[in-house]
N, C-alpha and C. Protein backbone atom coordinates (compact mmCIF):
# COMPACT_ATOMS: atom_id res chain seq x y z
N MET A 1 -22.45 9.42 2.15
CA MET A 1 -20.69 10.07 2.19
C MET A 1 -19.58 10.04 0.90
N GLN A 2 -19.88 11.26 1.35
CA GLN A 2 -18.74 12.12 0.09
C GLN A 2 -17.16 11.54 0.48
N LEU A 3 -16.54 10.95 -0.66
CA LEU A 3 -15.19 10.55 -0.96
C LEU A 3 -14.52 11.56 -1.51
N VAL A 4 -13.84 11.57 -1.76
CA VAL A 4 -12.42 12.07 -3.28
C VAL A 4 -11.13 11.07 -2.60
N VAL A 5 -11.57 10.64 -4.13
CA VAL A 5 -10.47 9.23 -4.19
C VAL A 5 -9.30 9.98 -5.25
N LEU A 6 -8.19 9.98 -5.14
CA LEU A 6 -6.89 10.02 -5.73
C LEU A 6 -6.68 8.45 -6.06
N THR A 7 -6.33 8.33 -7.60
CA THR A 7 -6.74 6.79 -7.99
C THR A 7 -5.84 6.55 -9.36
N ASP A 8 -5.44 5.48 -9.59
CA ASP A 8 -5.27 5.81 -10.91
C ASP A 8 -6.48 4.21 -11.36
N GLU A 9 -6.69 3.97 -12.84
CA GLU A 9 -7.44 3.11 -12.77
C GLU A 9 -7.31 1.41 -12.31
N VAL A 10 -6.17 1.24 -12.39
CA VAL A 10 -6.05 0.03 -11.51
C VAL A 10 -6.82 -0.23 -9.86
N LEU A 11 -6.48 0.74 -9.60
CA LEU A 11 -6.03 0.42 -8.06
C LEU A 11 -7.67 0.76 -7.94
N LYS A 12 -7.90 1.65 -8.74
CA LYS A 12 -9.28 1.94 -8.71
C LYS A 12 -10.19 1.09 -8.80
N GLU A 13 -10.35 -0.22 -9.81
CA GLU A 13 -10.48 -0.60 -10.35
C GLU A 13 -10.44 -1.59 -8.85
N GLU A 14 -9.56 -1.77 -8.01
CA GLU A 14 -9.65 -2.96 -7.03
C GLU A 14 -9.72 -2.13 -5.98
N LEU A 15 -9.88 -1.40 -5.65
CA LEU A 15 -10.68 -0.54 -4.20
C LEU A 15 -12.71 -0.21 -4.15
N LEU A 16 -13.20 -0.69 -5.52
CA LEU A 16 -14.71 -1.31 -5.80
C LEU A 16 -14.70 -2.75 -6.31
N ASN A 17 -13.94 -3.12 -6.03
CA ASN A 17 -13.63 -5.15 -5.68
C ASN A 17 -14.32 -5.14 -5.43
N ASN A 18 -14.84 -5.13 -4.29
CA ASN A 18 -16.40 -6.01 -3.33
C ASN A 18 -17.12 -5.39 -3.03
N GLY A 19 -17.26 -4.50 -4.74
CA GLY A 19 -18.73 -3.75 -4.45
C GLY A 19 -18.96 -2.45 -3.53
N VAL A 20 -19.26 -2.01 -2.99
CA VAL A 20 -19.87 -0.53 -2.22
C VAL A 20 -20.48 -0.17 -1.70
N ASP A 21 -21.19 0.69 -0.77
CA ASP A 21 -22.11 1.06 -0.51
C ASP A 21 -22.99 1.99 -1.19
N GLU A 22 -24.29 1.86 -1.49
CA GLU A 22 -24.25 3.65 -2.28
C GLU A 22 -24.90 4.59 -1.52
N GLU A 23 -24.26 4.32 -0.26
CA GLU A 23 -24.49 5.53 0.67
C GLU A 23 -22.91 6.71 0.16
N ILE A 24 -22.33 6.18 -0.76
CA ILE A 24 -21.31 6.29 -1.08
C ILE A 24 -21.21 8.04 -2.61
N ASP A 25 -20.81 9.38 -1.94
CA ASP A 25 -21.27 10.16 -3.00
C ASP A 25 -19.65 10.11 -3.73
N TRP A 26 -18.91 9.81 -4.96
CA TRP A 26 -17.04 9.69 -4.93
C TRP A 26 -17.39 10.89 -6.12
N ILE A 27 -15.92 11.33 -5.67
CA ILE A 27 -15.60 12.43 -6.52
C ILE A 27 -14.53 11.32 -6.96
N TRP A 28 -13.88 11.00 -8.04
CA TRP A 28 -12.46 11.06 -8.59
C TRP A 28 -11.62 11.83 -8.92
N ILE A 29 -10.41 11.82 -8.33
CA ILE A 29 -9.61 13.31 -8.88
C ILE A 29 -7.96 13.05 -9.53
N ARG A 30 -7.58 12.76 -10.14
CA ARG A 30 -6.40 12.54 -10.62
C ARG A 30 -5.32 13.26 -11.36
N ASN A 31 -5.48 14.33 -9.69
CA ASN A 31 -3.50 15.57 -9.28
C ASN A 31 -4.43 15.96 -7.97
N GLU A 32 -2.89 15.97 -7.35
CA GLU A 32 -3.10 15.87 -5.80
C GLU A 32 -3.77 17.61 -6.12
N GLU A 33 -3.43 18.39 -6.64
CA GLU A 33 -4.31 19.57 -6.04
C GLU A 33 -5.96 19.98 -6.33
N ASN A 34 -6.05 19.09 -7.20
CA ASN A 34 -7.68 18.75 -7.09
C ASN A 34 -8.02 18.85 -5.59
N PHE A 35 -7.46 18.12 -4.68
CA PHE A 35 -8.36 17.96 -3.28
C PHE A 35 -8.72 18.99 -2.65
N VAL A 36 -8.05 20.37 -3.45
CA VAL A 36 -8.12 20.98 -2.14
C VAL A 36 -9.75 21.94 -2.85
N ASP A 37 -10.21 21.43 -4.15
CA ASP A 37 -11.87 22.12 -4.78
C ASP A 37 -12.89 21.24 -3.94
N HIS A 38 -12.51 20.29 -3.00
CA HIS A 38 -13.57 19.66 -2.21
C HIS A 38 -13.19 19.29 -1.05
N LYS A 39 -12.79 20.58 -0.46
CA LYS A 39 -12.53 20.15 0.85
C LYS A 39 -13.71 20.09 1.51
N SER A 40 -15.18 20.24 1.97
CA SER A 40 -16.03 19.73 2.54
C SER A 40 -16.53 18.10 2.37
N ALA A 41 -15.70 17.56 1.43
CA ALA A 41 -15.85 15.83 1.90
C ALA A 41 -15.38 15.36 2.92
N ASP A 42 -16.13 14.09 3.40
CA ASP A 42 -15.88 13.62 4.44
C ASP A 42 -15.45 13.05 4.55
N GLY A 43 -13.92 12.70 3.69
CA GLY A 43 -13.00 11.75 3.81
C GLY A 43 -12.52 11.89 2.04
N PHE A 44 -10.66 11.79 2.47
CA PHE A 44 -10.53 11.51 1.43
C PHE A 44 -9.28 10.70 1.28
N ILE A 45 -8.87 10.06 -0.26
CA ILE A 45 -8.28 8.43 -0.04
C ILE A 45 -6.93 9.22 -1.08
N ASP A 46 -6.05 9.11 -1.13
CA ASP A 46 -4.82 9.63 -1.88
C ASP A 46 -3.77 7.92 -1.90
N LEU A 47 -4.60 7.31 -3.23
CA LEU A 47 -4.20 5.80 -3.78
C LEU A 47 -3.01 6.41 -4.24
N LEU A 48 -2.70 7.09 -4.64
CA LEU A 48 -0.75 7.31 -5.52
C LEU A 48 -0.44 8.11 -4.85
N PHE A 49 0.12 8.60 -3.10
CA PHE A 49 0.76 9.34 -2.20
C PHE A 49 2.56 8.80 -2.64
N GLU A 50 2.60 9.98 -2.75
CA GLU A 50 4.43 10.01 -2.86
C GLU A 50 4.39 11.05 -1.78
N GLU A 51 5.95 10.85 -1.91
CA GLU A 51 6.33 11.71 -0.07
C GLU A 51 7.00 12.37 -0.24
N THR A 52 6.37 14.37 -0.81
CA THR A 52 7.07 15.14 -1.33
C THR A 52 6.23 16.22 0.10
N GLN A 53 7.16 16.98 0.12
CA GLN A 53 6.46 17.90 1.38
C GLN A 53 5.19 18.75 0.63
N GLN A 54 5.16 18.97 -0.34
CA GLN A 54 4.17 19.69 -1.14
C GLN A 54 2.96 18.79 -1.08
N ARG A 55 3.01 17.66 -0.77
CA ARG A 55 2.03 16.41 -1.33
C ARG A 55 1.40 17.16 0.59
N ILE A 56 2.38 16.24 0.50
CA ILE A 56 1.97 16.34 2.66
C ILE A 56 1.14 17.52 3.05
N GLU A 57 1.98 18.54 1.86
CA GLU A 57 1.22 20.00 3.42
C GLU A 57 -0.13 20.01 2.53
N ILE A 58 -1.09 19.85 1.31
CA ILE A 58 -1.79 19.31 1.01
C ILE A 58 -2.78 19.11 1.60
N LEU A 59 -2.40 17.40 2.28
CA LEU A 59 -3.22 16.82 2.92
C LEU A 59 -4.08 17.47 3.74
N LYS A 60 -1.82 17.96 4.35
CA LYS A 60 -2.40 18.97 6.33
C LYS A 60 -3.74 19.56 6.12
N ASN A 61 -3.83 20.56 4.81
CA ASN A 61 -5.12 21.04 4.87
C ASN A 61 -6.18 20.77 5.27
N LEU A 62 -6.61 19.14 4.61
CA LEU A 62 -7.43 18.76 4.63
C LEU A 62 -7.31 17.58 5.82
N SER A 63 -7.23 17.62 6.88
CA SER A 63 -6.92 17.00 7.90
C SER A 63 -8.61 16.54 9.19
N SER A 64 -9.12 18.44 8.75
CA SER A 64 -9.75 18.23 9.75
C SER A 64 -10.73 16.24 9.68
N LYS A 65 -10.41 16.04 8.44
CA LYS A 65 -11.44 15.11 8.32
C LYS A 65 -10.81 13.93 7.54
N PRO A 66 -11.23 13.36 8.10
CA PRO A 66 -9.95 11.83 7.65
C PRO A 66 -8.74 11.85 6.46
N VAL A 67 -8.27 11.49 6.12
CA VAL A 67 -7.43 11.45 5.40
C VAL A 67 -6.36 10.59 5.19
N ILE A 68 -6.60 9.61 4.32
CA ILE A 68 -6.32 8.00 4.04
C ILE A 68 -5.30 8.05 2.92
N ILE A 69 -3.59 7.67 3.19
CA ILE A 69 -2.83 7.62 2.49
C ILE A 69 -2.66 6.35 1.81
N ASN A 70 -1.66 5.81 0.99
CA ASN A 70 -1.15 4.63 0.32
C ASN A 70 0.28 4.65 0.91
N SER A 71 0.46 4.26 1.50
CA SER A 71 1.82 4.82 2.47
C SER A 71 2.22 3.25 2.89
N VAL A 72 2.77 2.58 2.62
CA VAL A 72 3.36 0.95 2.93
C VAL A 72 4.63 1.37 3.16
N VAL A 73 5.86 2.86 3.07
CA VAL A 73 6.61 2.60 3.07
C VAL A 73 7.41 4.19 4.90
N ALA A 74 6.59 4.80 3.95
CA ALA A 74 6.87 5.97 4.92
C ALA A 74 5.65 6.10 6.14
N THR A 75 6.62 5.89 7.47
CA THR A 75 5.70 5.65 8.53
C THR A 75 5.07 7.79 8.43
N LEU A 76 4.37 7.59 10.07
CA LEU A 76 3.18 8.61 9.90
C LEU A 76 4.08 9.45 11.18
N LYS A 77 4.73 8.45 11.72
CA LYS A 77 6.23 9.59 12.34
C LYS A 77 6.97 9.97 11.82
N LYS A 78 7.36 9.20 10.80
CA LYS A 78 8.20 9.70 9.63
C LYS A 78 7.58 11.17 8.60
N LEU A 79 6.36 11.12 8.49
CA LEU A 79 5.62 11.99 7.89
C LEU A 79 4.83 13.09 9.16
N LYS A 80 5.21 12.92 10.17
CA LYS A 80 4.52 13.70 10.61
C LYS A 80 3.71 14.70 10.66
N ALA A 81 2.60 14.02 10.07
CA ALA A 81 1.53 13.94 10.12
C ALA A 81 -0.19 13.19 10.49
N PRO A 82 -0.89 13.65 10.00
CA PRO A 82 -2.36 13.80 11.18
C PRO A 82 -2.80 12.24 10.22
N PHE A 83 -1.97 11.60 9.55
CA PHE A 83 -3.05 11.09 8.60
C PHE A 83 -4.00 8.86 8.74
N VAL A 84 -4.32 8.47 8.06
CA VAL A 84 -4.06 7.15 8.27
C VAL A 84 -3.82 6.76 7.54
N ARG A 85 -2.60 5.22 7.75
CA ARG A 85 -1.99 5.02 6.40
C ARG A 85 -2.53 3.25 6.24
N MET A 86 -2.55 2.87 4.98
CA MET A 86 -2.89 1.90 4.57
C MET A 86 -1.93 0.97 3.38
N ASN A 87 -2.26 0.03 3.75
CA ASN A 87 -1.11 -0.80 2.92
C ASN A 87 -2.77 -1.07 1.28
N ALA A 88 -1.99 -0.38 0.76
CA ALA A 88 -2.66 -0.57 -0.43
C ALA A 88 -1.98 -0.51 -2.43
N TRP A 89 -0.77 -1.35 -2.14
CA TRP A 89 0.15 -2.08 -2.99
C TRP A 89 -1.54 -3.28 -4.01
N PRO A 90 -0.14 -2.94 -5.47
CA PRO A 90 -1.31 -3.00 -6.47
C PRO A 90 -1.36 -5.11 -5.81
N GLY A 91 -2.89 -5.63 -5.66
CA GLY A 91 -2.86 -6.63 -5.82
C GLY A 91 -3.12 -6.82 -4.18
N PHE A 92 -3.40 -5.79 -3.60
CA PHE A 92 -3.63 -6.24 -1.64
C PHE A 92 -4.83 -5.30 -0.95
N LEU A 93 -5.21 -4.57 -2.55
CA LEU A 93 -6.30 -3.88 -2.48
C LEU A 93 -7.79 -4.69 -2.67
N LYS A 94 -7.41 -6.04 -3.42
CA LYS A 94 -8.84 -5.77 -3.36
C LYS A 94 -9.39 -7.04 -1.92
N ARG A 95 -8.90 -7.39 -0.82
CA ARG A 95 -8.59 -7.84 -0.22
C ARG A 95 -10.01 -7.53 0.54
N SER A 96 -10.33 -8.82 1.41
CA SER A 96 -11.71 -8.12 2.56
C SER A 96 -10.64 -7.57 3.45
N LEU A 97 -10.28 -7.20 4.21
CA LEU A 97 -9.56 -6.63 5.69
C LEU A 97 -8.00 -5.89 5.07
N VAL A 98 -7.48 -4.93 5.34
CA VAL A 98 -7.00 -3.65 5.06
C VAL A 98 -6.53 -3.48 6.49
N GLU A 99 -5.10 -3.39 5.96
CA GLU A 99 -4.20 -3.29 7.18
C GLU A 99 -4.11 -1.96 6.91
N ALA A 100 -3.86 -1.17 8.08
CA ALA A 100 -4.16 0.78 7.95
C ALA A 100 -3.03 0.73 9.70
N SER A 101 -2.72 2.41 9.66
CA SER A 101 -2.38 1.67 10.63
C SER A 101 -2.84 3.88 11.14
N CYS A 102 -2.88 3.91 12.39
CA CYS A 102 -3.53 5.52 13.03
C CYS A 102 -2.98 6.02 14.36
N ASN A 103 -3.06 7.22 14.04
CA ASN A 103 -2.82 7.33 15.75
C ASN A 103 -3.40 8.13 16.78
N ASP A 104 -4.31 7.84 16.06
CA ASP A 104 -5.69 8.94 16.68
C ASP A 104 -6.89 7.79 17.14
N LYS A 105 -7.84 7.75 18.14
CA LYS A 105 -9.17 6.81 18.27
C LYS A 105 -10.17 7.53 17.67
N ASN A 106 -9.92 8.04 17.76
CA ASN A 106 -11.37 9.09 16.75
C ASN A 106 -11.18 9.01 15.21
N ILE A 107 -10.37 9.14 14.79
CA ILE A 107 -9.97 9.21 13.23
C ILE A 107 -10.32 7.88 13.18
N ARG A 108 -10.36 6.40 14.72
CA ARG A 108 -10.11 4.90 13.18
C ARG A 108 -11.53 4.96 13.46
N LEU A 109 -12.38 5.47 14.40
CA LEU A 109 -13.40 4.96 13.90
C LEU A 109 -14.39 5.34 13.20
N GLN A 110 -13.82 7.27 12.50
CA GLN A 110 -14.49 7.23 11.37
C GLN A 110 -14.02 6.23 10.19
N VAL A 111 -12.36 5.97 10.35
CA VAL A 111 -11.71 4.88 9.01
C VAL A 111 -13.07 3.60 8.94
N GLU A 112 -12.86 3.19 9.94
CA GLU A 112 -13.64 1.76 9.78
C GLU A 112 -15.32 1.82 9.62
N LYS A 113 -15.70 3.27 9.63
CA LYS A 113 -16.96 3.43 9.27
C LYS A 113 -16.35 3.17 7.68
N ILE A 114 -15.70 4.38 7.57
CA ILE A 114 -15.55 4.42 5.87
C ILE A 114 -15.44 3.15 4.88
N PHE A 115 -14.13 1.93 5.92
CA PHE A 115 -14.29 1.25 4.73
C PHE A 115 -15.34 -0.61 4.94
N LEU A 116 -16.13 0.08 5.58
CA LEU A 116 -17.67 -0.39 6.40
C LEU A 116 -17.95 -0.41 4.82
N LEU A 117 -18.18 0.47 4.99
CA LEU A 117 -19.33 1.20 3.23
C LEU A 117 -18.22 0.35 2.31
N LEU A 118 -17.03 0.51 2.45
CA LEU A 118 -15.47 -0.85 1.27
C LEU A 118 -15.86 -2.19 0.93
N ASN A 119 -16.68 -2.69 2.16
CA ASN A 119 -16.68 -3.68 2.16
C ASN A 119 -15.68 -4.70 2.82
N ARG A 120 -15.18 -3.93 3.33
CA ARG A 120 -14.04 -4.43 4.25
C ARG A 120 -13.75 -4.15 5.33
N LYS A 121 -13.16 -4.89 6.33
CA LYS A 121 -12.16 -4.91 7.39
C LYS A 121 -11.61 -4.14 8.04
N THR A 122 -10.98 -3.16 9.23
CA THR A 122 -9.82 -2.95 9.05
C THR A 122 -9.40 -3.66 9.92
N GLU A 123 -8.14 -3.34 9.94
CA GLU A 123 -7.22 -3.97 10.79
C GLU A 123 -5.76 -3.36 11.31
N TRP A 124 -5.58 -3.11 12.90
CA TRP A 124 -5.02 -1.55 12.58
C TRP A 124 -3.44 -2.34 13.56
N VAL A 125 -2.57 -2.10 12.98
CA VAL A 125 -1.28 -2.40 13.05
C VAL A 125 -0.70 -0.73 13.52
N ALA A 126 0.94 -1.96 13.64
CA ALA A 126 1.26 -0.46 15.04
C ALA A 126 2.05 -0.23 13.36
N ASP A 127 2.81 1.67 13.67
CA ASP A 127 3.50 2.53 12.65
C ASP A 127 4.79 2.20 12.08
N GLU A 128 4.78 1.17 11.75
CA GLU A 128 6.06 0.20 11.03
C GLU A 128 5.93 0.05 9.82
N PRO A 129 7.01 0.45 9.29
CA PRO A 129 7.08 0.19 7.54
C PRO A 129 7.28 -0.91 7.17
N GLY A 130 6.26 -1.01 6.57
CA GLY A 130 5.88 -2.53 5.79
C GLY A 130 4.65 -2.94 6.55
N PHE A 131 4.08 -2.31 7.25
CA PHE A 131 2.33 -3.16 7.76
C PHE A 131 3.20 -4.44 8.38
N VAL A 132 2.58 -5.68 8.20
CA VAL A 132 2.71 -6.70 8.28
C VAL A 132 2.80 -7.89 7.18
N THR A 133 1.71 -7.68 5.74
CA THR A 133 2.04 -9.06 4.45
C THR A 133 3.42 -8.12 4.14
N PRO A 134 2.50 -6.69 3.41
CA PRO A 134 3.80 -6.58 2.79
C PRO A 134 5.09 -6.69 2.86
N LYS A 135 5.50 -6.73 4.04
CA LYS A 135 6.97 -7.06 5.01
C LYS A 135 7.23 -8.73 4.17
N ILE A 136 6.19 -9.41 4.47
CA ILE A 136 6.74 -11.07 4.82
C ILE A 136 6.60 -11.05 2.54
N VAL A 137 5.59 -10.87 1.86
CA VAL A 137 5.99 -10.63 0.80
C VAL A 137 7.37 -10.35 0.64
N SER A 138 7.61 -10.06 0.47
CA SER A 138 8.76 -8.88 -0.04
C SER A 138 9.97 -10.04 0.65
N MET A 139 9.92 -9.85 1.53
CA MET A 139 11.60 -11.23 1.53
C MET A 139 10.80 -12.22 1.45
N ILE A 140 9.83 -13.05 0.97
CA ILE A 140 9.58 -13.98 0.28
C ILE A 140 10.29 -13.96 -1.25
N ILE A 141 9.47 -12.54 -2.11
CA ILE A 141 10.25 -12.06 -3.14
C ILE A 141 11.93 -11.69 -2.87
N ASN A 142 12.63 -11.62 -2.54
CA ASN A 142 14.12 -11.26 -2.29
C ASN A 142 14.89 -12.61 -1.59
N GLU A 143 14.19 -14.06 -1.07
CA GLU A 143 14.45 -14.65 -1.12
C GLU A 143 14.61 -15.59 -2.26
N ALA A 144 13.49 -15.29 -3.38
CA ALA A 144 13.93 -16.12 -4.25
C ALA A 144 14.36 -15.08 -5.72
N TYR A 145 14.59 -14.21 -4.98
CA TYR A 145 16.14 -12.74 -6.12
C TYR A 145 17.62 -14.05 -5.67
N PHE A 146 16.93 -13.97 -4.50
CA PHE A 146 18.75 -15.00 -3.74
C PHE A 146 18.97 -16.30 -4.06
N SER A 147 17.98 -17.47 -4.67
CA SER A 147 17.74 -18.05 -5.47
C SER A 147 18.27 -18.29 -6.87
N LEU A 148 18.08 -16.75 -7.44
CA LEU A 148 18.16 -16.68 -9.05
C LEU A 148 18.85 -16.44 -8.94
N GLU A 149 20.02 -15.36 -8.38
CA GLU A 149 20.75 -15.36 -8.55
C GLU A 149 22.21 -16.61 -8.08
N GLU A 150 21.80 -17.50 -7.55
CA GLU A 150 22.52 -18.72 -7.28
C GLU A 150 22.01 -19.85 -8.10
N LYS A 151 21.52 -19.43 -9.32
CA LYS A 151 20.95 -20.35 -10.53
C LYS A 151 20.39 -22.07 -9.66
N VAL A 152 19.33 -21.35 -8.87
CA VAL A 152 18.59 -22.30 -8.27
C VAL A 152 18.31 -23.58 -9.34
N SER A 153 16.83 -22.56 -10.51
CA SER A 153 16.46 -22.15 -10.62
C SER A 153 16.12 -20.64 -11.57
N SER A 154 14.44 -21.50 -13.09
CA SER A 154 14.32 -20.07 -13.66
C SER A 154 13.39 -19.79 -12.75
N LYS A 155 12.52 -17.90 -12.97
CA LYS A 155 12.08 -17.39 -12.75
C LYS A 155 10.82 -18.10 -13.02
N GLU A 156 10.32 -18.58 -13.40
CA GLU A 156 8.90 -19.62 -14.07
C GLU A 156 9.13 -20.52 -13.17
N GLU A 157 10.65 -21.14 -13.68
CA GLU A 157 9.71 -22.42 -11.97
C GLU A 157 9.69 -22.37 -10.73
N ILE A 158 10.60 -21.46 -10.92
CA ILE A 158 10.67 -21.13 -8.47
C ILE A 158 8.82 -20.41 -9.22
N ASP A 159 7.64 -19.48 -9.82
CA ASP A 159 6.59 -19.04 -9.43
C ASP A 159 5.95 -20.37 -9.53
N THR A 160 6.20 -21.29 -10.53
CA THR A 160 5.48 -22.57 -10.44
C THR A 160 5.42 -23.13 -8.87
N ALA A 161 6.60 -23.56 -8.74
CA ALA A 161 6.80 -23.91 -7.11
C ALA A 161 6.17 -23.49 -6.16
N MET A 162 6.75 -22.16 -6.06
CA MET A 162 5.39 -21.75 -4.71
C MET A 162 4.99 -21.89 -5.15
N LYS A 163 3.50 -21.77 -6.10
CA LYS A 163 2.49 -21.96 -6.05
C LYS A 163 1.72 -23.53 -6.17
N LEU A 164 2.87 -23.96 -6.28
CA LEU A 164 1.73 -25.41 -6.24
C LEU A 164 1.96 -26.29 -4.86
N GLY A 165 3.81 -25.61 -4.14
CA GLY A 165 4.07 -26.00 -3.47
C GLY A 165 3.45 -25.33 -2.00
N THR A 166 3.26 -24.31 -1.98
CA THR A 166 1.94 -22.98 -0.62
C THR A 166 1.23 -22.96 -0.95
N ASN A 167 0.84 -23.55 -1.84
CA ASN A 167 -1.09 -22.68 -2.53
C ASN A 167 -1.35 -21.14 -2.60
N TYR A 168 0.53 -20.74 -2.63
CA TYR A 168 0.29 -18.76 -3.22
C TYR A 168 -0.83 -18.55 -3.91
N PRO A 169 -1.36 -17.21 -3.81
CA PRO A 169 -1.66 -17.52 -5.35
C PRO A 169 -0.28 -16.61 -6.79
N HIS A 170 -0.34 -16.05 -6.04
CA HIS A 170 1.20 -15.80 -6.92
C HIS A 170 2.61 -16.87 -6.56
N GLY A 171 2.96 -16.53 -7.70
CA GLY A 171 5.17 -16.79 -6.90
C GLY A 171 5.76 -15.76 -6.44
N PRO A 172 6.68 -15.56 -6.59
CA PRO A 172 6.89 -14.77 -6.19
C PRO A 172 7.87 -12.91 -7.03
N PHE A 173 7.48 -13.65 -8.78
CA PHE A 173 8.41 -12.81 -8.98
C PHE A 173 6.83 -12.68 -10.06
N GLU A 174 5.96 -13.55 -9.97
CA GLU A 174 4.53 -12.42 -10.36
C GLU A 174 4.28 -11.51 -9.31
N TRP A 175 4.52 -11.70 -8.01
CA TRP A 175 4.01 -10.75 -7.54
C TRP A 175 4.52 -9.53 -7.05
N SER A 176 6.09 -9.83 -7.78
CA SER A 176 6.97 -8.78 -7.67
C SER A 176 6.64 -7.80 -9.10
N LYS A 177 6.57 -8.29 -10.82
CA LYS A 177 5.24 -7.50 -11.30
C LYS A 177 3.98 -6.82 -11.34
N LYS A 178 3.07 -7.66 -10.03
CA LYS A 178 2.37 -6.74 -9.93
C LYS A 178 2.65 -5.24 -9.52
N ILE A 179 3.21 -5.81 -7.80
CA ILE A 179 3.56 -5.10 -6.66
C ILE A 179 4.24 -4.03 -7.63
N GLY A 180 5.14 -4.38 -8.78
CA GLY A 180 6.32 -3.38 -8.61
C GLY A 180 6.99 -3.19 -8.38
N LEU A 181 8.49 -4.08 -8.82
CA LEU A 181 9.55 -4.33 -7.88
C LEU A 181 10.37 -2.74 -7.68
N LYS A 182 10.24 -1.93 -7.95
CA LYS A 182 10.28 -0.21 -7.66
C LYS A 182 10.19 -0.35 -6.14
N ASN A 183 8.82 -1.04 -5.58
CA ASN A 183 8.39 -0.75 -4.75
C ASN A 183 9.20 -1.95 -3.47
N ILE A 184 8.83 -2.74 -3.74
CA ILE A 184 9.37 -3.78 -2.79
C ILE A 184 10.94 -3.21 -2.91
N TYR A 185 11.67 -3.54 -3.85
CA TYR A 185 12.98 -2.40 -3.00
C TYR A 185 12.92 -1.74 -1.85
N ALA A 186 12.03 -0.60 -1.97
CA ALA A 186 12.39 0.47 -1.30
C ALA A 186 12.09 0.47 0.16
N LEU A 187 10.81 -0.67 0.22
CA LEU A 187 10.60 -1.48 1.55
C LEU A 187 11.61 -1.73 2.41
N LEU A 188 12.51 -3.24 1.63
CA LEU A 188 13.32 -3.34 1.60
C LEU A 188 14.46 -2.54 2.30
N ASN A 189 14.70 -1.52 1.03
CA ASN A 189 16.62 -0.71 1.56
C ASN A 189 15.60 0.07 2.79
N GLU A 190 14.29 -0.10 2.93
CA GLU A 190 14.21 0.85 4.61
C GLU A 190 14.57 0.16 5.82
N LEU A 191 13.54 -1.19 5.98
CA LEU A 191 13.79 -1.69 6.18
C LEU A 191 15.10 -2.57 6.65
N SER A 192 15.71 -2.55 5.69
CA SER A 192 17.53 -2.88 6.22
C SER A 192 18.32 -2.04 6.78
N ILE A 193 17.61 -0.50 7.33
CA ILE A 193 18.68 -0.17 7.97
C ILE A 193 18.81 -0.37 9.86
N SER A 194 17.65 -1.19 9.80
CA SER A 194 17.66 -1.09 11.31
C SER A 194 18.15 -3.15 11.31
N ASN A 195 17.80 -3.80 10.44
CA ASN A 195 18.29 -5.28 10.27
C ASN A 195 18.50 -4.83 9.27
N SER A 196 20.22 -6.20 8.84
CA SER A 196 20.37 -6.71 7.88
C SER A 196 20.03 -7.63 7.04
N ARG A 197 19.20 -7.98 8.19
CA ARG A 197 18.55 -9.54 6.94
C ARG A 197 17.57 -9.29 6.25
N TYR A 198 17.42 -7.70 6.11
CA TYR A 198 15.63 -6.83 4.83
C TYR A 198 16.51 -7.11 3.47
N GLN A 199 18.76 -7.06 4.03
CA GLN A 199 18.69 -6.40 3.15
C GLN A 199 18.62 -7.06 1.22
N PRO A 200 18.00 -5.69 0.59
CA PRO A 200 17.85 -6.42 -1.53
C PRO A 200 19.01 -7.58 -1.30
N ALA A 201 18.78 -8.50 -2.59
CA ALA A 201 19.26 -9.01 -3.46
C ALA A 201 20.34 -8.83 -4.53
N GLY A 202 20.93 -8.47 -4.56
CA GLY A 202 21.65 -7.96 -5.16
C GLY A 202 21.53 -7.63 -6.86
N LEU A 203 20.99 -8.98 -7.29
CA LEU A 203 20.01 -8.56 -9.01
C LEU A 203 19.04 -8.35 -8.13
N LEU A 204 18.05 -8.02 -7.09
CA LEU A 204 16.30 -7.35 -6.99
C LEU A 204 17.14 -6.06 -7.58
N VAL A 205 18.09 -5.60 -6.09
CA VAL A 205 18.85 -4.16 -6.45
C VAL A 205 19.00 -3.52 -7.81
N LYS A 206 19.07 -4.22 -9.31
CA LYS A 206 19.88 -3.83 -10.15
C LYS A 206 18.42 -4.03 -11.18
N GLU A 207 17.34 -5.52 -10.81
CA GLU A 207 16.28 -5.03 -12.06
C GLU A 207 15.37 -3.56 -11.57
N ALA A 208 15.43 -3.74 -9.87
CA ALA A 208 14.76 -2.01 -10.08
C ALA A 208 15.10 -1.00 -10.36
N MET A 209 16.06 -1.01 -10.86
CA MET A 209 16.57 0.36 -11.19
C MET A 209 16.28 0.84 -12.39
N LEU A 210 16.15 -0.69 -12.99
CA LEU A 210 16.05 -0.67 -14.29
C LEU A 210 15.14 0.00 -14.93
């Protein structure tokens, strides 16, 4: 199986973290325009997806085969494209389970086979902003920023308390650095449009804009 993947070194390392089947013939690219050079491939993975019309149109031209995009915030409904969304925020791609959304049952079966070759199971979830885990983690990070605003404690102490008290692998501020605060802000901002409880903390917004 030939897979074309647009990625950076960090996400590439995470993608390969669980080991992969020897059946996969990898083609690694660094530019969205390189996708069209490999139209005969069996699948396409865009781990650096950006919501631009040019990017969407390039990927739409490949959609006779599975096109998997790292799109935690933008939904398939919003993109109006026959893609497969996955949660590939930094840190999450190492897991043995992939959260994904797809509207076509036939494509789902093809994508499940791809993920199995990557030693991962697929958890199909609703086509909503944030999937499941990113939404929860973003809320935890947001609450930590509210606590920081109220001078409850320092970033370091809050991280330590969360790891020791809940056995989380990372504290909320460590998570925000790994994921990228701009990603957290983008998701919270999108979710807050329909539900005010996701309103980003002022300090989070300020640091995300730096």
